């Protein structure tokens, strides 16, 4: 049996401002942006550069109860983990375009990591896993 998680929904306030952040600041690729008139919403899918794995579905909050979760999808914990093949290249590029890092780079037993926030306040790890880490074989 083979299965995979294809999308993770990320609740956003506005499609275009979210696309601007992820595509222009994080260099993500815009995979799909399709208007669905029957639901008055867009199907917006993005992915880190060079990735063939899980994608993010940018889902605009459509109900009042969804608004409170924008930027706080995990109650203040790190939500997503962006692994890279060159930590310092990506860290420096992200800093140069104003991405806010909440915790500076640190060397950990599993690799190099720094915590940043997206435009809504969701926390992310930028990390480069050590080659011997069990997830490293799967990630890059």
N, C-alpha and C. Protein backbone atom coordinates (compact mmCIF):
# COMPACT_ATOMS: atom_id res chain seq x y z
N UNK A 1 0.84 -1.17 0.00
CA UNK A 1 0.00 0.00 0.00
C UNK A 1 0.89 1.23 0.00
N UNK A 2 0.50 2.21 -0.78
CA UNK A 2 1.22 3.48 -0.77
C UNK A 2 0.21 4.61 -0.67
N UNK A 3 0.41 5.48 0.30
CA UNK A 3 -0.45 6.65 0.48
C UNK A 3 0.43 7.86 0.73
N UNK A 4 -0.15 9.03 0.56
CA UNK A 4 0.60 10.26 0.80
C UNK A 4 -0.36 11.36 1.21
N UNK A 5 0.11 12.24 2.07
CA UNK A 5 -0.62 13.48 2.35
C UNK A 5 -0.28 14.42 1.21
N UNK A 6 -1.29 14.92 0.53
CA UNK A 6 -1.09 15.72 -0.67
C UNK A 6 -1.10 17.21 -0.35
N UNK A 7 -2.08 17.67 0.44
CA UNK A 7 -2.21 19.08 0.77
C UNK A 7 -2.37 19.24 2.28
N UNK A 8 -1.89 20.36 2.79
CA UNK A 8 -2.22 20.82 4.13
C UNK A 8 -2.88 22.18 3.94
N UNK A 9 -4.07 22.34 4.50
CA UNK A 9 -4.80 23.60 4.37
C UNK A 9 -4.25 24.61 5.36
N UNK A 10 -3.96 25.79 4.87
CA UNK A 10 -3.48 26.90 5.68
C UNK A 10 -4.51 28.01 5.58
N UNK A 11 -5.18 28.32 6.69
CA UNK A 11 -6.23 29.34 6.68
C UNK A 11 -5.58 30.72 6.57
N UNK A 12 -6.04 31.49 5.58
CA UNK A 12 -5.49 32.82 5.31
C UNK A 12 -6.61 33.85 5.27
N UNK A 13 -6.23 35.11 5.45
CA UNK A 13 -7.20 36.21 5.40
C UNK A 13 -7.52 36.58 3.96
N UNK A 14 -6.50 36.57 3.11
CA UNK A 14 -6.67 37.04 1.73
C UNK A 14 -5.75 36.22 0.82
N UNK A 15 -6.29 35.73 -0.26
CA UNK A 15 -5.50 34.92 -1.19
C UNK A 15 -4.28 35.66 -1.71
N UNK A 16 -4.50 36.87 -2.24
CA UNK A 16 -3.43 37.57 -2.93
C UNK A 16 -2.29 37.98 -2.00
N UNK A 17 -2.63 38.44 -0.78
CA UNK A 17 -1.55 38.80 0.14
C UNK A 17 -0.78 37.56 0.58
N UNK A 18 -1.46 36.44 0.72
CA UNK A 18 -0.78 35.19 1.08
C UNK A 18 0.12 34.73 -0.07
N UNK A 19 -0.37 34.80 -1.29
CA UNK A 19 0.45 34.44 -2.45
C UNK A 19 1.67 35.34 -2.51
N UNK A 20 1.49 36.63 -2.31
CA UNK A 20 2.62 37.56 -2.34
C UNK A 20 3.69 37.16 -1.32
N UNK A 21 3.27 36.82 -0.12
CA UNK A 21 4.24 36.44 0.91
C UNK A 21 4.96 35.15 0.54
N UNK A 22 4.21 34.12 0.26
CA UNK A 22 4.83 32.81 0.04
C UNK A 22 5.63 32.75 -1.26
N UNK A 23 5.13 33.38 -2.31
CA UNK A 23 5.83 33.33 -3.60
C UNK A 23 6.98 34.35 -3.64
N UNK A 24 6.72 35.58 -3.20
CA UNK A 24 7.74 36.63 -3.32
C UNK A 24 8.79 36.60 -2.21
N UNK A 25 8.40 36.23 -1.01
CA UNK A 25 9.36 36.25 0.10
C UNK A 25 9.98 34.89 0.38
N UNK A 26 9.19 33.83 0.25
CA UNK A 26 9.73 32.49 0.53
C UNK A 26 10.11 31.73 -0.73
N UNK A 27 9.86 32.33 -1.88
CA UNK A 27 10.19 31.71 -3.17
C UNK A 27 9.41 30.44 -3.46
N UNK A 28 8.23 30.30 -2.86
CA UNK A 28 7.40 29.14 -3.16
C UNK A 28 6.90 29.24 -4.60
N UNK A 29 6.53 28.10 -5.14
CA UNK A 29 5.98 28.03 -6.49
C UNK A 29 4.45 28.03 -6.40
N UNK A 30 3.81 28.83 -7.24
CA UNK A 30 2.35 28.82 -7.34
C UNK A 30 1.98 27.69 -8.29
N UNK A 31 1.37 26.64 -7.76
CA UNK A 31 1.02 25.45 -8.54
C UNK A 31 -0.33 25.63 -9.23
N UNK A 32 -1.32 26.09 -8.47
CA UNK A 32 -2.67 26.30 -9.01
C UNK A 32 -3.29 27.54 -8.38
N UNK A 33 -4.08 28.23 -9.17
CA UNK A 33 -4.91 29.34 -8.69
C UNK A 33 -6.14 29.36 -9.57
N UNK A 34 -7.16 28.66 -9.13
CA UNK A 34 -8.36 28.45 -9.95
C UNK A 34 -9.57 28.96 -9.18
N UNK A 35 -10.33 29.84 -9.83
CA UNK A 35 -11.56 30.34 -9.23
C UNK A 35 -12.66 29.29 -9.35
N UNK A 36 -13.37 29.06 -8.25
CA UNK A 36 -14.47 28.11 -8.22
C UNK A 36 -15.76 28.89 -7.96
N UNK A 37 -16.44 29.31 -9.04
CA UNK A 37 -17.59 30.21 -8.89
C UNK A 37 -18.74 29.62 -8.08
N UNK A 38 -18.96 28.32 -8.14
CA UNK A 38 -20.07 27.72 -7.41
C UNK A 38 -19.90 27.84 -5.90
N UNK A 39 -18.66 28.02 -5.44
CA UNK A 39 -18.41 28.19 -4.01
C UNK A 39 -17.84 29.57 -3.69
N UNK A 40 -17.67 30.41 -4.71
CA UNK A 40 -17.09 31.74 -4.58
C UNK A 40 -15.79 31.69 -3.78
N UNK A 41 -14.90 30.81 -4.22
CA UNK A 41 -13.60 30.71 -3.59
C UNK A 41 -12.58 30.34 -4.66
N UNK A 42 -11.32 30.39 -4.25
CA UNK A 42 -10.24 29.99 -5.15
C UNK A 42 -9.56 28.75 -4.60
N UNK A 43 -9.07 27.93 -5.51
CA UNK A 43 -8.27 26.77 -5.18
C UNK A 43 -6.83 27.19 -5.43
N UNK A 44 -6.10 27.54 -4.35
CA UNK A 44 -4.75 28.08 -4.47
C UNK A 44 -3.79 27.11 -3.79
N UNK A 45 -2.88 26.55 -4.59
CA UNK A 45 -1.93 25.56 -4.11
C UNK A 45 -0.52 26.08 -4.36
N UNK A 46 0.32 26.03 -3.30
CA UNK A 46 1.71 26.47 -3.40
C UNK A 46 2.62 25.36 -2.90
N UNK A 47 3.89 25.49 -3.25
CA UNK A 47 4.86 24.47 -2.86
C UNK A 47 6.24 25.10 -2.75
N UNK A 48 7.06 24.63 -1.81
CA UNK A 48 8.44 25.11 -1.76
C UNK A 48 9.16 24.80 -3.07
N UNK A 49 10.16 25.60 -3.41
CA UNK A 49 10.87 25.37 -4.67
C UNK A 49 11.55 24.00 -4.69
N UNK A 50 11.37 23.29 -5.80
CA UNK A 50 12.01 21.99 -5.97
C UNK A 50 11.34 20.85 -5.24
N UNK A 51 10.23 21.10 -4.57
CA UNK A 51 9.56 20.06 -3.79
C UNK A 51 8.61 19.26 -4.66
N UNK A 52 8.55 17.97 -4.37
CA UNK A 52 7.57 17.12 -5.04
C UNK A 52 6.65 16.45 -4.02
N UNK A 53 6.70 16.92 -2.80
CA UNK A 53 5.91 16.32 -1.73
C UNK A 53 4.64 17.11 -1.43
N UNK A 54 4.34 17.22 -0.17
CA UNK A 54 3.14 17.88 0.31
C UNK A 54 3.10 19.33 -0.17
N UNK A 55 1.91 19.80 -0.51
CA UNK A 55 1.72 21.20 -0.89
C UNK A 55 0.84 21.89 0.15
N UNK A 56 0.83 23.21 0.10
CA UNK A 56 -0.06 23.99 0.96
C UNK A 56 -1.23 24.48 0.14
N UNK A 57 -2.42 24.27 0.66
CA UNK A 57 -3.64 24.81 0.08
C UNK A 57 -3.97 26.07 0.86
N UNK A 58 -3.88 27.23 0.21
CA UNK A 58 -4.22 28.49 0.87
C UNK A 58 -5.74 28.61 0.88
N UNK A 59 -6.33 28.51 2.05
CA UNK A 59 -7.78 28.48 2.20
C UNK A 59 -8.24 29.74 2.91
N UNK A 60 -8.88 30.64 2.17
CA UNK A 60 -9.38 31.88 2.77
C UNK A 60 -10.47 31.55 3.78
N UNK A 61 -10.37 32.16 4.94
CA UNK A 61 -11.41 31.98 5.96
C UNK A 61 -12.74 32.42 5.38
N UNK A 62 -13.74 31.56 5.48
CA UNK A 62 -15.03 31.86 4.89
C UNK A 62 -16.15 31.95 5.91
N UNK A 63 -15.84 31.68 7.17
CA UNK A 63 -16.82 31.75 8.25
C UNK A 63 -16.21 32.51 9.41
N UNK A 64 -17.02 33.20 10.18
CA UNK A 64 -16.47 33.95 11.31
C UNK A 64 -15.62 33.12 12.27
N UNK A 65 -16.01 31.87 12.54
CA UNK A 65 -15.23 31.06 13.47
C UNK A 65 -13.87 30.67 12.91
N UNK A 66 -13.69 30.73 11.59
CA UNK A 66 -12.39 30.43 10.99
C UNK A 66 -11.43 31.60 11.13
N UNK A 67 -11.94 32.81 11.21
CA UNK A 67 -11.09 34.00 11.30
C UNK A 67 -10.14 33.95 12.50
N UNK A 68 -10.62 33.43 13.63
CA UNK A 68 -9.80 33.41 14.84
C UNK A 68 -8.60 32.47 14.73
N UNK A 69 -8.61 31.59 13.75
CA UNK A 69 -7.50 30.64 13.59
C UNK A 69 -6.43 31.10 12.60
N UNK A 70 -6.68 32.21 11.93
CA UNK A 70 -5.67 32.75 11.02
C UNK A 70 -4.46 33.13 11.86
N UNK A 71 -3.32 32.56 11.54
CA UNK A 71 -2.09 32.84 12.27
C UNK A 71 -1.92 32.07 13.56
N UNK A 72 -2.88 31.25 13.90
CA UNK A 72 -2.81 30.52 15.17
C UNK A 72 -3.39 29.12 15.01
N UNK A 73 -3.01 28.46 13.94
CA UNK A 73 -3.59 27.16 13.65
C UNK A 73 -3.15 26.07 14.62
N UNK A 74 -2.08 26.30 15.36
CA UNK A 74 -1.61 25.28 16.31
C UNK A 74 -1.46 25.84 17.72
N UNK A 75 -2.18 26.89 18.04
CA UNK A 75 -2.15 27.42 19.39
C UNK A 75 -0.82 27.97 19.83
N UNK A 76 -0.04 28.53 18.88
CA UNK A 76 1.23 29.16 19.22
C UNK A 76 2.44 28.26 19.09
N UNK A 77 2.24 27.02 18.70
CA UNK A 77 3.37 26.10 18.47
C UNK A 77 3.86 26.26 17.03
N UNK A 78 5.08 25.78 16.79
CA UNK A 78 5.56 25.73 15.41
C UNK A 78 4.59 24.85 14.64
N UNK A 79 4.16 25.35 13.49
CA UNK A 79 3.12 24.68 12.69
C UNK A 79 3.71 23.88 11.54
N UNK A 80 4.62 24.49 10.81
CA UNK A 80 5.17 23.85 9.61
C UNK A 80 6.69 23.87 9.67
N UNK A 81 7.30 22.91 9.00
CA UNK A 81 8.74 22.71 9.05
C UNK A 81 9.27 22.72 7.62
N UNK A 82 10.00 23.76 7.28
CA UNK A 82 10.52 23.94 5.92
C UNK A 82 11.97 23.49 5.90
N UNK A 83 12.22 22.31 5.35
CA UNK A 83 13.57 21.79 5.26
C UNK A 83 14.22 22.32 3.98
N UNK A 84 15.51 22.60 4.05
CA UNK A 84 16.25 23.15 2.93
C UNK A 84 17.56 22.40 2.73
N UNK A 85 18.09 22.51 1.52
CA UNK A 85 19.40 21.92 1.25
C UNK A 85 20.54 22.89 1.55
N UNK A 86 20.20 24.15 1.89
CA UNK A 86 21.21 25.16 2.22
C UNK A 86 20.60 26.17 3.19
N UNK A 87 20.75 25.89 4.47
CA UNK A 87 20.13 26.71 5.51
C UNK A 87 20.53 28.18 5.38
N UNK A 88 21.83 28.45 5.30
CA UNK A 88 22.31 29.84 5.34
C UNK A 88 21.91 30.62 4.10
N UNK A 89 21.85 30.01 2.96
CA UNK A 89 21.36 30.68 1.74
C UNK A 89 19.93 31.15 1.97
N UNK A 90 19.07 30.24 2.43
CA UNK A 90 17.66 30.57 2.60
C UNK A 90 17.43 31.52 3.77
N UNK A 91 18.14 31.32 4.86
CA UNK A 91 18.01 32.22 6.01
C UNK A 91 18.38 33.64 5.60
N UNK A 92 19.50 33.82 4.93
CA UNK A 92 19.94 35.16 4.53
C UNK A 92 18.99 35.78 3.52
N UNK A 93 18.49 34.98 2.58
CA UNK A 93 17.53 35.50 1.59
C UNK A 93 16.25 35.94 2.28
N UNK A 94 15.75 35.13 3.20
CA UNK A 94 14.51 35.45 3.91
C UNK A 94 14.69 36.71 4.76
N UNK A 95 15.83 36.83 5.42
CA UNK A 95 16.08 38.05 6.20
C UNK A 95 16.13 39.27 5.29
N UNK A 96 16.71 39.13 4.11
CA UNK A 96 16.87 40.28 3.20
C UNK A 96 15.54 40.82 2.69
N UNK A 97 14.48 39.99 2.72
CA UNK A 97 13.17 40.46 2.27
C UNK A 97 12.22 40.71 3.43
N UNK A 98 12.76 40.72 4.66
CA UNK A 98 11.98 41.13 5.82
C UNK A 98 11.20 40.05 6.53
N UNK A 99 11.50 38.79 6.28
CA UNK A 99 10.83 37.73 7.04
C UNK A 99 11.28 37.84 8.50
N UNK A 100 10.31 37.78 9.42
CA UNK A 100 10.59 37.96 10.84
C UNK A 100 10.97 36.63 11.49
N UNK A 101 12.19 36.57 12.01
CA UNK A 101 12.65 35.38 12.73
C UNK A 101 12.44 35.60 14.22
N UNK A 102 11.75 34.67 14.83
CA UNK A 102 11.44 34.74 16.26
C UNK A 102 12.55 34.16 17.11
N UNK A 103 13.27 33.18 16.57
CA UNK A 103 14.41 32.57 17.25
C UNK A 103 15.55 32.49 16.26
N UNK A 104 16.75 32.88 16.70
CA UNK A 104 17.91 32.88 15.80
C UNK A 104 18.36 31.46 15.47
N UNK A 105 19.21 31.32 14.45
CA UNK A 105 19.72 30.00 14.09
C UNK A 105 20.44 29.33 15.25
N UNK A 106 20.21 28.03 15.35
CA UNK A 106 20.87 27.21 16.37
C UNK A 106 21.26 25.88 15.74
N UNK A 107 22.36 25.35 16.21
CA UNK A 107 22.76 24.00 15.83
C UNK A 107 22.17 23.05 16.86
N UNK A 108 21.41 22.11 16.37
CA UNK A 108 20.82 21.08 17.22
C UNK A 108 21.36 19.72 16.79
N UNK A 109 21.10 18.68 17.54
CA UNK A 109 21.60 17.36 17.16
C UNK A 109 21.01 16.90 15.83
N UNK A 110 19.83 17.37 15.48
CA UNK A 110 19.19 16.97 14.23
C UNK A 110 19.55 17.86 13.05
N UNK A 111 20.13 19.06 13.31
CA UNK A 111 20.50 19.96 12.22
C UNK A 111 20.49 21.41 12.65
N UNK A 112 20.44 22.31 11.68
CA UNK A 112 20.41 23.75 11.92
C UNK A 112 18.97 24.22 11.79
N UNK A 113 18.55 25.09 12.73
CA UNK A 113 17.14 25.49 12.76
C UNK A 113 17.01 26.94 13.24
N UNK A 114 16.01 27.63 12.71
CA UNK A 114 15.59 28.95 13.18
C UNK A 114 14.08 29.02 13.02
N UNK A 115 13.42 29.73 13.91
CA UNK A 115 11.96 29.86 13.86
C UNK A 115 11.60 31.21 13.27
N UNK A 116 10.72 31.18 12.27
CA UNK A 116 10.21 32.42 11.69
C UNK A 116 8.69 32.38 11.69
N UNK A 117 8.10 33.55 11.42
CA UNK A 117 6.64 33.60 11.33
C UNK A 117 6.23 34.04 9.94
N UNK A 118 5.07 33.55 9.52
CA UNK A 118 4.55 33.97 8.23
C UNK A 118 3.80 35.29 8.40
N UNK A 119 3.17 35.77 7.35
CA UNK A 119 2.54 37.08 7.40
C UNK A 119 1.41 37.16 8.41
N UNK A 120 0.88 36.03 8.85
CA UNK A 120 -0.22 36.04 9.82
C UNK A 120 0.22 35.67 11.24
N UNK A 121 1.46 35.23 11.39
CA UNK A 121 1.96 34.88 12.72
C UNK A 121 2.11 33.39 12.96
N UNK A 122 1.74 32.53 11.99
CA UNK A 122 2.02 31.11 12.14
C UNK A 122 3.52 30.91 12.26
N UNK A 123 3.93 30.05 13.16
CA UNK A 123 5.36 29.80 13.37
C UNK A 123 5.82 28.62 12.52
N UNK A 124 6.98 28.82 11.92
CA UNK A 124 7.62 27.81 11.06
C UNK A 124 9.04 27.57 11.55
N UNK A 125 9.53 26.36 11.35
CA UNK A 125 10.95 26.08 11.46
C UNK A 125 11.56 26.13 10.07
N UNK A 126 12.62 26.88 9.91
CA UNK A 126 13.49 26.73 8.75
C UNK A 126 14.60 25.82 9.23
N UNK A 127 14.80 24.70 8.56
CA UNK A 127 15.80 23.78 9.05
C UNK A 127 16.54 23.08 7.92
N UNK A 128 17.73 22.70 8.25
CA UNK A 128 18.51 21.82 7.39
C UNK A 128 18.89 20.63 8.25
N UNK A 129 18.27 19.51 7.95
CA UNK A 129 18.50 18.31 8.72
C UNK A 129 19.89 17.74 8.44
N UNK A 130 20.51 17.18 9.47
CA UNK A 130 21.76 16.47 9.26
C UNK A 130 21.49 15.27 8.35
N UNK A 131 22.45 14.92 7.49
CA UNK A 131 22.24 13.83 6.52
C UNK A 131 21.87 12.49 7.16
N UNK A 132 22.32 12.26 8.38
CA UNK A 132 22.01 10.98 9.03
C UNK A 132 20.65 10.95 9.72
N UNK A 133 19.97 12.07 9.76
CA UNK A 133 18.64 12.10 10.38
C UNK A 133 17.67 11.25 9.55
N UNK A 134 16.82 10.45 10.20
CA UNK A 134 15.94 9.55 9.45
C UNK A 134 15.00 10.26 8.47
N UNK A 135 14.62 11.49 8.75
CA UNK A 135 13.73 12.21 7.84
C UNK A 135 14.50 12.83 6.68
N UNK A 136 15.79 13.05 6.84
CA UNK A 136 16.58 13.70 5.79
C UNK A 136 16.52 12.93 4.47
N UNK A 137 16.52 11.62 4.54
CA UNK A 137 16.45 10.80 3.31
C UNK A 137 15.14 11.03 2.58
N UNK A 138 14.10 11.38 3.30
CA UNK A 138 12.77 11.54 2.71
C UNK A 138 12.51 12.96 2.25
N UNK A 139 13.23 13.94 2.81
CA UNK A 139 12.86 15.35 2.64
C UNK A 139 13.47 16.03 1.43
N UNK A 140 14.72 15.80 1.12
CA UNK A 140 15.37 16.54 0.03
C UNK A 140 15.90 15.54 -0.98
